[in-house]
Amino acid sequence: MTKHFILSINPNAQYEWDQYILRDPLTAGRPDLASLIAEAVGDETGSYLVAVNIEVTVLEKAQNLQPARVPLDVATAITQTRPEEMVA
């Protein structure tokens, strides 16, 4: 069984669990690897000792489209807006 996923790597993510994200390319959902293995076994009741081989082939690398975070001074932004500059 061959499945395709999109792996996003962001070592600067705010949380550790967001550093590596595996997603389905069509639904963008995170894959349930246990369900995929159960599907391969046949979904029959029981306990199984399974060997799982993971072979990774990079098909394409996309550019990082995440913009850099820019700090915003909210107080300065609010005081610089004048009522006459606002359009109704």
PDB file of N, CA and C in Angstrom:
ATOM      1  N   MET A   1       0.853  -1.165   0.000  1.00  0.00           N
ATOM      2  CA  MET A   1       0.000   0.000   0.000  1.00  0.00           C
ATOM      3  C   MET A   1       0.903   1.234   0.000  1.00  0.00           C
ATOM      4  N   THR A   2       0.659   2.115  -0.943  1.00  0.00           N
ATOM      5  CA  THR A   2       1.396   3.371  -1.009  1.00  0.00           C
ATOM      6  C   THR A   2       0.450   4.515  -0.696  1.00  0.00           C
ATOM      7  N   LYS A   3       0.813   5.323   0.264  1.00  0.00           N
ATOM      8  CA  LYS A   3       0.034   6.503   0.642  1.00  0.00           C
ATOM      9  C   LYS A   3       0.924   7.726   0.458  1.00  0.00           C
ATOM     10  N   HIS A   4       0.327   8.839   0.092  1.00  0.00           N
ATOM     11  CA  HIS A   4       1.077  10.078  -0.077  1.00  0.00           C
ATOM     12  C   HIS A   4       0.636  11.075   0.990  1.00  0.00           C
ATOM     13  N   PHE A   5       1.610  11.768   1.551  1.00  0.00           N
ATOM     14  CA  PHE A   5       1.352  12.764   2.577  1.00  0.00           C
ATOM     15  C   PHE A   5       2.227  13.982   2.312  1.00  0.00           C
ATOM     16  N   ILE A   6       1.836  15.093   2.892  1.00  0.00           N
ATOM     17  CA  ILE A   6       2.652  16.307   2.857  1.00  0.00           C
ATOM     18  C   ILE A   6       3.262  16.483   4.240  1.00  0.00           C
ATOM     19  N   LEU A   7       4.577  16.592   4.289  1.00  0.00           N
ATOM     20  CA  LEU A   7       5.292  16.812   5.544  1.00  0.00           C
ATOM     21  C   LEU A   7       5.721  18.271   5.591  1.00  0.00           C
ATOM     22  N   SER A   8       5.309  18.972   6.639  1.00  0.00           N
ATOM     23  CA  SER A   8       5.729  20.364   6.852  1.00  0.00           C
ATOM     24  C   SER A   8       6.671  20.388   8.048  1.00  0.00           C
ATOM     25  N   ILE A   9       7.829  20.995   7.850  1.00  0.00           N
ATOM     26  CA  ILE A   9       8.835  21.092   8.914  1.00  0.00           C
ATOM     27  C   ILE A   9       9.035  22.558   9.246  1.00  0.00           C
ATOM     28  N   ASN A  10       8.835  22.890  10.517  1.00  0.00           N
ATOM     29  CA  ASN A  10       9.020  24.261  10.974  1.00  0.00           C
ATOM     30  C   ASN A  10       9.721  24.215  12.330  1.00  0.00           C
ATOM     31  N   PRO A  11      11.067  24.253  12.338  1.00  0.00           N
ATOM     32  CA  PRO A  11      11.791  24.180  13.610  1.00  0.00           C
ATOM     33  C   PRO A  11      11.539  25.379  14.525  1.00  0.00           C
ATOM     34  N   ASN A  12      10.966  26.457  13.987  1.00  0.00           N
ATOM     35  CA  ASN A  12      10.681  27.646  14.784  1.00  0.00           C
ATOM     36  C   ASN A  12       9.236  27.710  15.252  1.00  0.00           C
ATOM     37  N   ALA A  13       8.498  26.604  15.148  1.00  0.00           N
ATOM     38  CA  ALA A  13       7.097  26.589  15.566  1.00  0.00           C
ATOM     39  C   ALA A  13       6.994  26.891  17.053  1.00  0.00           C
ATOM     40  N   GLN A  14       5.881  27.495  17.418  1.00  0.00           N
ATOM     41  CA  GLN A  14       5.682  27.880  18.814  1.00  0.00           C
ATOM     42  C   GLN A  14       5.631  26.655  19.726  1.00  0.00           C
ATOM     43  N   TYR A  15       5.029  25.574  19.246  1.00  0.00           N
ATOM     44  CA  TYR A  15       4.907  24.363  20.055  1.00  0.00           C
ATOM     45  C   TYR A  15       5.675  23.222  19.405  1.00  0.00           C
ATOM     46  N   GLU A  16       6.218  22.343  20.219  1.00  0.00           N
ATOM     47  CA  GLU A  16       7.024  21.226  19.735  1.00  0.00           C
ATOM     48  C   GLU A  16       6.233  20.331  18.782  1.00  0.00           C
ATOM     49  N   TRP A  17       4.937  20.104  19.065  1.00  0.00           N
ATOM     50  CA  TRP A  17       4.151  19.203  18.224  1.00  0.00           C
ATOM     51  C   TRP A  17       3.803  19.821  16.869  1.00  0.00           C
ATOM     52  N   ASP A  18       4.048  21.103  16.689  1.00  0.00           N
ATOM     53  CA  ASP A  18       3.813  21.742  15.399  1.00  0.00           C
ATOM     54  C   ASP A  18       5.079  21.844  14.549  1.00  0.00           C
ATOM     55  N   GLN A  19       6.195  21.313  15.036  1.00  0.00           N
ATOM     56  CA  GLN A  19       7.432  21.377  14.272  1.00  0.00           C
ATOM     57  C   GLN A  19       7.401  20.452  13.062  1.00  0.00           C
ATOM     58  N   TYR A  20       6.746  19.305  13.198  1.00  0.00           N
ATOM     59  CA  TYR A  20       6.640  18.327  12.118  1.00  0.00           C
ATOM     60  C   TYR A  20       5.168  17.969  11.959  1.00  0.00           C
ATOM     61  N   ILE A  21       4.597  18.299  10.812  1.00  0.00           N
ATOM     62  CA  ILE A  21       3.177  18.038  10.575  1.00  0.00           C
ATOM     63  C   ILE A  21       3.049  17.189   9.324  1.00  0.00           C
ATOM     64  N   LEU A  22       2.352  16.064   9.470  1.00  0.00           N
ATOM     65  CA  LEU A  22       2.075  15.166   8.362  1.00  0.00           C
ATOM     66  C   LEU A  22       0.607  15.329   8.006  1.00  0.00           C
ATOM     67  N   ARG A  23       0.315  15.619   6.730  1.00  0.00           N
ATOM     68  CA  ARG A  23      -1.069  15.881   6.308  1.00  0.00           C
ATOM     69  C   ARG A  23      -1.393  15.130   5.028  1.00  0.00           C
ATOM     70  N   ASP A  24      -2.681  14.811   4.891  1.00  0.00           N
ATOM     71  CA  ASP A  24      -3.189  14.216   3.661  1.00  0.00           C
ATOM     72  C   ASP A  24      -3.238  15.316   2.608  1.00  0.00           C
ATOM     73  N   PRO A  25      -2.740  15.084   1.388  1.00  0.00           N
ATOM     74  CA  PRO A  25      -2.714  16.157   0.385  1.00  0.00           C
ATOM     75  C   PRO A  25      -4.089  16.580  -0.120  1.00  0.00           C
ATOM     76  N   LEU A  26      -5.102  15.735   0.015  1.00  0.00           N
ATOM     77  CA  LEU A  26      -6.434  16.090  -0.479  1.00  0.00           C
ATOM     78  C   LEU A  26      -7.319  16.701   0.592  1.00  0.00           C
ATOM     79  N   THR A  27      -7.281  16.132   1.797  1.00  0.00           N
ATOM     80  CA  THR A  27      -8.179  16.598   2.852  1.00  0.00           C
ATOM     81  C   THR A  27      -7.493  17.511   3.854  1.00  0.00           C
ATOM     82  N   ALA A  28      -6.170  17.545   3.859  1.00  0.00           N
ATOM     83  CA  ALA A  28      -5.347  18.299   4.814  1.00  0.00           C
ATOM     84  C   ALA A  28      -5.498  17.766   6.234  1.00  0.00           C
ATOM     85  N   GLY A  29      -6.146  16.617   6.393  1.00  0.00           N
ATOM     86  CA  GLY A  29      -6.272  16.002   7.710  1.00  0.00           C
ATOM     87  C   GLY A  29      -4.996  15.279   8.099  1.00  0.00           C
ATOM     88  N   ARG A  30      -4.773  15.172   9.380  1.00  0.00           N
ATOM     89  CA  ARG A  30      -3.613  14.431   9.858  1.00  0.00           C
ATOM     90  C   ARG A  30      -3.929  12.939   9.792  1.00  0.00           C
ATOM     91  N   PRO A  31      -3.040  12.151   9.216  1.00  0.00           N
ATOM     92  CA  PRO A  31      -3.346  10.731   9.036  1.00  0.00           C
ATOM     93  C   PRO A  31      -3.348   9.976  10.362  1.00  0.00           C
ATOM     94  N   ASP A  32      -4.251   9.022  10.466  1.00  0.00           N
ATOM     95  CA  ASP A  32      -4.308   8.131  11.611  1.00  0.00           C
ATOM     96  C   ASP A  32      -3.563   6.868  11.196  1.00  0.00           C
ATOM     97  N   LEU A  33      -2.286   6.794  11.554  1.00  0.00           N
ATOM     98  CA  LEU A  33      -1.455   5.682  11.108  1.00  0.00           C
ATOM     99  C   LEU A  33      -1.973   4.343  11.623  1.00  0.00           C
ATOM    100  N   ALA A  34      -2.542   4.312  12.822  1.00  0.00           N
ATOM    101  CA  ALA A  34      -3.089   3.057  13.349  1.00  0.00           C
ATOM    102  C   ALA A  34      -4.232   2.561  12.471  1.00  0.00           C
ATOM    103  N   SER A  35      -5.079   3.460  11.978  1.00  0.00           N
ATOM    104  CA  SER A  35      -6.180   3.069  11.101  1.00  0.00           C
ATOM    105  C   SER A  35      -5.655   2.550   9.764  1.00  0.00           C
ATOM    106  N   LEU A  36      -4.607   3.161   9.254  1.00  0.00           N
ATOM    107  CA  LEU A  36      -4.030   2.698   8.001  1.00  0.00           C
ATOM    108  C   LEU A  36      -3.453   1.291   8.147  1.00  0.00           C
ATOM    109  N   ILE A  37      -2.818   1.034   9.276  1.00  0.00           N
ATOM    110  CA  ILE A  37      -2.252  -0.301   9.520  1.00  0.00           C
ATOM    111  C   ILE A  37      -3.378  -1.310   9.704  1.00  0.00           C
ATOM    112  N   ALA A  38      -4.427  -0.936  10.432  1.00  0.00           N
ATOM    113  CA  ALA A  38      -5.570  -1.833  10.633  1.00  0.00           C
ATOM    114  C   ALA A  38      -6.233  -2.159   9.297  1.00  0.00           C
ATOM    115  N   GLU A  39      -6.307  -1.189   8.418  1.00  0.00           N
ATOM    116  CA  GLU A  39      -6.880  -1.409   7.092  1.00  0.00           C
ATOM    117  C   GLU A  39      -6.050  -2.433   6.322  1.00  0.00           C
ATOM    118  N   ALA A  40      -4.740  -2.331   6.435  1.00  0.00           N
ATOM    119  CA  ALA A  40      -3.857  -3.274   5.749  1.00  0.00           C
ATOM    120  C   ALA A  40      -3.982  -4.683   6.326  1.00  0.00           C
ATOM    121  N   VAL A  41      -4.225  -4.788   7.644  1.00  0.00           N
ATOM    122  CA  VAL A  41      -4.377  -6.089   8.300  1.00  0.00           C
ATOM    123  C   VAL A  41      -5.723  -6.704   7.961  1.00  0.00           C
ATOM    124  N   GLY A  42      -6.734  -5.885   7.787  1.00  0.00           N
ATOM    125  CA  GLY A  42      -8.052  -6.394   7.435  1.00  0.00           C
ATOM    126  C   GLY A  42      -9.131  -6.050   8.433  1.00  0.00           C
ATOM    127  N   ASP A  43      -8.853  -5.234   9.415  1.00  0.00           N
ATOM    128  CA  ASP A  43      -9.847  -4.772  10.404  1.00  0.00           C
ATOM    129  C   ASP A  43     -10.520  -5.910  11.172  1.00  0.00           C
ATOM    130  N   GLU A  44      -9.884  -7.060  11.275  1.00  0.00           N
ATOM    131  CA  GLU A  44     -10.480  -8.161  12.030  1.00  0.00           C
ATOM    132  C   GLU A  44     -10.050  -8.064  13.484  1.00  0.00           C
ATOM    133  N   THR A  45     -10.988  -8.394  14.394  1.00  0.00           N
ATOM    134  CA  THR A  45     -10.719  -8.315  15.824  1.00  0.00           C
ATOM    135  C   THR A  45      -9.532  -9.190  16.190  1.00  0.00           C
ATOM    136  N   GLY A  46      -8.679  -8.687  17.061  1.00  0.00           N
ATOM    137  CA  GLY A  46      -7.523  -9.439  17.520  1.00  0.00           C
ATOM    138  C   GLY A  46      -6.344  -8.528  17.764  1.00  0.00           C
ATOM    139  N   SER A  47      -5.299  -9.086  18.279  1.00  0.00           N
ATOM    140  CA  SER A  47      -4.052  -8.352  18.495  1.00  0.00           C
ATOM    141  C   SER A  47      -3.032  -8.893  17.509  1.00  0.00           C
ATOM    142  N   TYR A  48      -2.302  -8.007  16.909  1.00  0.00           N
ATOM    143  CA  TYR A  48      -1.368  -8.396  15.865  1.00  0.00           C
ATOM    144  C   TYR A  48       0.012  -7.841  16.177  1.00  0.00           C
ATOM    145  N   LEU A  49       1.018  -8.634  15.913  1.00  0.00           N
ATOM    146  CA  LEU A  49       2.393  -8.147  15.922  1.00  0.00           C
ATOM    147  C   LEU A  49       2.683  -7.790  14.470  1.00  0.00           C
ATOM    148  N   VAL A  50       2.924  -6.526  14.208  1.00  0.00           N
ATOM    149  CA  VAL A  50       3.116  -6.087  12.826  1.00  0.00           C
ATOM    150  C   VAL A  50       4.482  -5.433  12.671  1.00  0.00           C
ATOM    151  N   ALA A  51       5.014  -5.547  11.477  1.00  0.00           N
ATOM    152  CA  ALA A  51       6.234  -4.831  11.109  1.00  0.00           C
ATOM    153  C   ALA A  51       5.808  -3.778  10.101  1.00  0.00           C
ATOM    154  N   VAL A  52       6.224  -2.555  10.322  1.00  0.00           N
ATOM    155  CA  VAL A  52       5.859  -1.451   9.436  1.00  0.00           C
ATOM    156  C   VAL A  52       7.146  -0.899   8.839  1.00  0.00           C
ATOM    157  N   ASN A  53       7.201  -0.914   7.518  1.00  0.00           N
ATOM    158  CA  ASN A  53       8.358  -0.347   6.821  1.00  0.00           C
ATOM    159  C   ASN A  53       7.972   1.021   6.290  1.00  0.00           C
ATOM    160  N   ILE A  54       8.765   2.001   6.590  1.00  0.00           N
ATOM    161  CA  ILE A  54       8.512   3.342   6.082  1.00  0.00           C
ATOM    162  C   ILE A  54       9.626   3.690   5.108  1.00  0.00           C
ATOM    163  N   GLU A  55       9.239   3.893   3.871  1.00  0.00           N
ATOM    164  CA  GLU A  55      10.184   4.299   2.842  1.00  0.00           C
ATOM    165  C   GLU A  55       9.769   5.700   2.401  1.00  0.00           C
ATOM    166  N   VAL A  56      10.670   6.629   2.510  1.00  0.00           N
ATOM    167  CA  VAL A  56      10.348   8.019   2.198  1.00  0.00           C
ATOM    168  C   VAL A  56      11.057   8.424   0.910  1.00  0.00           C
ATOM    169  N   THR A  57      10.281   8.924  -0.039  1.00  0.00           N
ATOM    170  CA  THR A  57      10.812   9.460  -1.284  1.00  0.00           C
ATOM    171  C   THR A  57      10.255  10.872  -1.434  1.00  0.00           C
ATOM    172  N   VAL A  58      11.121  11.857  -1.513  1.00  0.00           N
ATOM    173  CA  VAL A  58      10.670  13.239  -1.687  1.00  0.00           C
ATOM    174  C   VAL A  58      10.288  13.421  -3.149  1.00  0.00           C
ATOM    175  N   LEU A  59       9.023  13.718  -3.390  1.00  0.00           N
ATOM    176  CA  LEU A  59       8.531  13.901  -4.753  1.00  0.00           C
ATOM    177  C   LEU A  59       8.681  15.346  -5.217  1.00  0.00           C
ATOM    178  N   GLU A  60       8.530  16.282  -4.298  1.00  0.00           N
ATOM    179  CA  GLU A  60       8.633  17.701  -4.636  1.00  0.00           C
ATOM    180  C   GLU A  60       8.825  18.493  -3.353  1.00  0.00           C
ATOM    181  N   LYS A  61       9.629  19.549  -3.428  1.00  0.00           N
ATOM    182  CA  LYS A  61       9.810  20.434  -2.277  1.00  0.00           C
ATOM    183  C   LYS A  61       9.249  21.798  -2.644  1.00  0.00           C
ATOM    184  N   ALA A  62       8.311  22.276  -1.845  1.00  0.00           N
ATOM    185  CA  ALA A  62       7.682  23.571  -2.096  1.00  0.00           C
ATOM    186  C   ALA A  62       8.414  24.648  -1.306  1.00  0.00           C
ATOM    187  N   GLN A  63       8.318  25.875  -1.804  1.00  0.00           N
ATOM    188  CA  GLN A  63       8.897  27.013  -1.103  1.00  0.00           C
ATOM    189  C   GLN A  63       8.147  27.245   0.201  1.00  0.00           C
ATOM    190  N   ASN A  64       8.827  27.786   1.182  1.00  0.00           N
ATOM    191  CA  ASN A  64       8.196  28.130   2.450  1.00  0.00           C
ATOM    192  C   ASN A  64       7.415  29.418   2.246  1.00  0.00           C
ATOM    193  N   LEU A  65       6.087  29.317   2.305  1.00  0.00           N
ATOM    194  CA  LEU A  65       5.239  30.480   2.048  1.00  0.00           C
ATOM    195  C   LEU A  65       4.759  31.153   3.324  1.00  0.00           C
ATOM    196  N   GLN A  66       5.277  30.734   4.466  1.00  0.00           N
ATOM    197  CA  GLN A  66       4.847  31.329   5.720  1.00  0.00           C
ATOM    198  C   GLN A  66       5.561  32.661   5.925  1.00  0.00           C
ATOM    199  N   PRO A  67       4.818  33.742   6.061  1.00  0.00           N
ATOM    200  CA  PRO A  67       5.459  35.041   6.266  1.00  0.00           C
ATOM    201  C   PRO A  67       6.122  35.112   7.642  1.00  0.00           C
ATOM    202  N   ALA A  68       7.164  35.892   7.711  1.00  0.00           N
ATOM    203  CA  ALA A  68       7.845  36.084   8.989  1.00  0.00           C
ATOM    204  C   ALA A  68       6.959  36.929   9.897  1.00  0.00           C
ATOM    205  N   ARG A  69       7.020  36.662  11.180  1.00  0.00           N
ATOM    206  CA  ARG A  69       6.227  37.438  12.136  1.00  0.00           C
ATOM    207  C   ARG A  69       6.901  38.778  12.382  1.00  0.00           C
ATOM    208  N   VAL A  70       6.116  39.830  12.278  1.00  0.00           N
ATOM    209  CA  VAL A  70       6.619  41.179  12.500  1.00  0.00           C
ATOM    210  C   VAL A  70       5.911  41.731  13.722  1.00  0.00           C
ATOM    211  N   PRO A  71       6.674  42.151  14.747  1.00  0.00           N
ATOM    212  CA  PRO A  71       6.022  42.693  15.940  1.00  0.00           C
ATOM    213  C   PRO A  71       5.302  44.001  15.596  1.00  0.00           C
ATOM    214  N   LEU A  72       4.142  44.197  16.193  1.00  0.00           N
ATOM    215  CA  LEU A  72       3.343  45.389  15.942  1.00  0.00           C
ATOM    216  C   LEU A  72       3.135  46.119  17.258  1.00  0.00           C
ATOM    217  N   ASP A  73       3.468  47.386  17.264  1.00  0.00           N
ATOM    218  CA  ASP A  73       3.229  48.216  18.434  1.00  0.00           C
ATOM    219  C   ASP A  73       1.811  48.764  18.308  1.00  0.00           C
ATOM    220  N   VAL A  74       0.866  48.162  19.009  1.00  0.00           N
ATOM    221  CA  VAL A  74      -0.548  48.501  18.888  1.00  0.00           C
ATOM    222  C   VAL A  74      -0.810  49.947  19.289  1.00  0.00           C
ATOM    223  N   ALA A  75      -0.176  50.429  20.327  1.00  0.00           N
ATOM    224  CA  ALA A  75      -0.405  51.808  20.781  1.00  0.00           C
ATOM    225  C   ALA A  75      -0.018  52.809  19.695  1.00  0.00           C
ATOM    226  N   THR A  76       1.073  52.588  19.003  1.00  0.00           N
ATOM    227  CA  THR A  76       1.510  53.481  17.932  1.00  0.00           C
ATOM    228  C   THR A  76       0.545  53.405  16.757  1.00  0.00           C
ATOM    229  N   ALA A  77       0.098  52.226  16.410  1.00  0.00           N
ATOM    230  CA  ALA A  77      -0.827  52.062  15.285  1.00  0.00           C
ATOM    231  C   ALA A  77      -2.146  52.761  15.555  1.00  0.00           C
ATOM    232  N   ILE A  78      -2.624  52.724  16.781  1.00  0.00           N
ATOM    233  CA  ILE A  78      -3.905  53.355  17.130  1.00  0.00           C
ATOM    234  C   ILE A  78      -3.776  54.871  17.120  1.00  0.00           C
ATOM    235  N   THR A  79      -2.698  55.411  17.667  1.00  0.00           N
ATOM    236  CA  THR A  79      -2.549  56.864  17.761  1.00  0.00           C
ATOM    237  C   THR A  79      -2.258  57.501  16.408  1.00  0.00           C
ATOM    238  N   GLN A  80      -1.761  56.746  15.437  1.00  0.00           N
ATOM    239  CA  GLN A  80      -1.453  57.312  14.134  1.00  0.00           C
ATOM    240  C   GLN A  80      -2.677  57.401  13.224  1.00  0.00           C
ATOM    241  N   THR A  81      -3.770  56.758  13.579  1.00  0.00           N
ATOM    242  CA  THR A  81      -4.975  56.813  12.760  1.00  0.00           C
ATOM    243  C   THR A  81      -5.810  58.019  13.170  1.00  0.00           C
ATOM    244  N   ARG A  82      -6.142  58.862  12.220  1.00  0.00           N
ATOM    245  CA  ARG A  82      -6.930  60.048  12.470  1.00  0.00           C
ATOM    246  C   ARG A  82      -8.325  59.849  11.877  1.00  0.00           C
ATOM    247  N   PRO A  83      -9.348  60.413  12.513  1.00  0.00           N
ATOM    248  CA  PRO A  83     -10.716  60.243  12.001  1.00  0.00           C
ATOM    249  C   PRO A  83     -10.885  60.727  10.572  1.00  0.00           C
ATOM    250  N   GLU A  84     -10.181  61.799  10.185  1.00  0.00           N
ATOM    251  CA  GLU A  84     -10.345  62.320   8.820  1.00  0.00           C
ATOM    252  C   GLU A  84      -9.733  61.384   7.781  1.00  0.00           C
ATOM    253  N   GLU A  85      -8.839  60.491   8.215  1.00  0.00           N
ATOM    254  CA  GLU A  85      -8.244  59.526   7.301  1.00  0.00           C
ATOM    255  C   GLU A  85      -9.165  58.337   7.057  1.00  0.00           C
ATOM    256  N   MET A  86     -10.148  58.152   7.913  1.00  0.00           N
ATOM    257  CA  MET A  86     -11.064  57.037   7.776  1.00  0.00           C
ATOM    258  C   MET A  86     -12.119  57.358   6.726  1.00  0.00           C
ATOM    259  N   VAL A  87     -12.441  56.405   5.904  1.00  0.00           N
ATOM    260  CA  VAL A  87     -13.444  56.580   4.861  1.00  0.00           C
ATOM    261  C   VAL A  87     -14.658  55.758   5.222  1.00  0.00           C
ATOM    262  N   ALA A  88     -15.843  56.372   5.123  1.00  0.00           N
ATOM    263  CA  ALA A  88     -17.076  55.675   5.485  1.00  0.00           C
ATOM    264  C   ALA A  88     -17.596  54.867   4.334  1.00  0.00           C
TER     265      ALA A  88
END
